[in-house]
Protein backbone atom coordinates (compact mmCIF):
# COMPACT_ATOMS: atom_id res chain seq x y z
CA MET A 1 89.31 180.61 75.74
CA LYS A 2 88.34 184.07 74.47
CA LYS A 3 84.84 184.74 73.20
CA ILE A 4 84.53 186.12 69.92
CA TYR A 5 81.48 188.61 69.48
CA ASN A 6 79.79 190.36 66.38
CA THR A 7 78.23 193.52 66.58
CA ILE A 8 74.79 193.63 64.88
CA PHE A 9 72.22 196.09 65.17
CA VAL A 10 68.85 194.97 66.67
CA ASN A 11 66.07 197.87 65.96
CA GLY A 12 68.54 200.15 65.42
CA GLN A 13 70.63 199.50 68.75
CA ALA A 14 74.04 197.79 68.65
CA PHE A 15 73.97 194.50 70.22
CA ASN A 16 77.15 192.04 70.81
CA CYS A 17 76.47 188.79 69.95
CA ASP A 18 78.33 185.29 70.04
CA ILE A 19 79.72 184.60 66.38
CA ASN A 20 77.76 181.13 66.72
CA MET A 21 74.12 182.70 67.99
CA SER A 22 71.62 181.93 65.52
CA LEU A 23 68.78 184.25 64.67
CA GLN A 24 66.56 181.69 66.65
CA GLU A 25 68.75 181.78 69.63
CA LEU A 26 68.77 185.67 69.63
CA LEU A 27 65.12 186.20 69.62
CA ILE A 28 64.82 183.61 72.32
CA TYR A 29 67.45 185.34 74.61
CA LEU A 30 65.74 188.59 73.99
CA GLU A 31 62.41 186.92 75.07
CA PHE A 32 60.38 187.35 71.79
CA GLU A 33 57.58 185.09 71.29
CA LEU A 34 58.68 183.24 67.99
CA ASN A 35 55.10 182.78 66.56
CA SER A 36 53.88 186.58 67.01
CA ILE A 37 56.88 188.28 65.14
CA VAL A 38 57.77 189.24 61.67
CA VAL A 39 61.55 189.46 61.40
CA GLU A 40 63.93 191.31 58.74
CA HIS A 41 67.54 190.48 58.41
CA ASN A 42 69.33 192.89 56.03
CA ASN A 43 66.25 194.07 54.36
CA ARG A 44 64.84 190.56 53.89
CA ILE A 45 61.80 188.99 55.42
CA ILE A 46 63.07 186.00 57.01
CA ASN A 47 60.51 182.77 57.16
CA PHE A 48 59.94 181.17 60.66
CA ALA A 49 61.50 178.10 59.40
CA GLU A 50 64.69 179.79 58.47
CA PHE A 51 65.31 181.37 62.15
CA ASP A 52 67.84 178.51 63.02
CA LYS A 53 69.76 178.65 59.84
CA ILE A 54 70.72 182.40 59.88
CA PHE A 55 73.96 183.22 61.54
CA PHE A 56 75.13 186.88 61.83
CA LYS A 57 78.15 188.66 60.15
CA SER A 58 79.36 191.94 61.92
CA GLN A 59 77.22 195.00 61.19
CA ASP A 60 74.06 192.90 59.99
CA LYS A 61 70.85 194.78 60.75
CA ILE A 62 67.71 192.88 62.54
CA GLU A 63 64.16 194.33 62.61
CA ILE A 64 61.87 192.78 64.69
CA ILE A 65 58.20 193.47 64.55
CA THR A 66 55.68 192.26 67.01
CA ILE A 67 52.03 191.37 65.62
CA VAL A 68 49.47 192.72 68.10
CA GLY A 69 46.04 191.10 67.51
CA GLY A 70 42.78 193.08 68.65
CA GLY A 71 39.58 194.56 67.54
């Protein structure tokens, strides 16, 4: 069985992901700490509770910003 991929853009870089991959699965695959990031999907900020409900279409754009604390 042949796998089907979507090409999406993560922080401006092309990334091929399985058509069934959720945003949450992508973030885990890329080793992001889910509680320490802000994610924008096609110019819309995504709430943490929606990460597992977002699936990609070809050419979608994902921007991931890591939150850093300090003083």
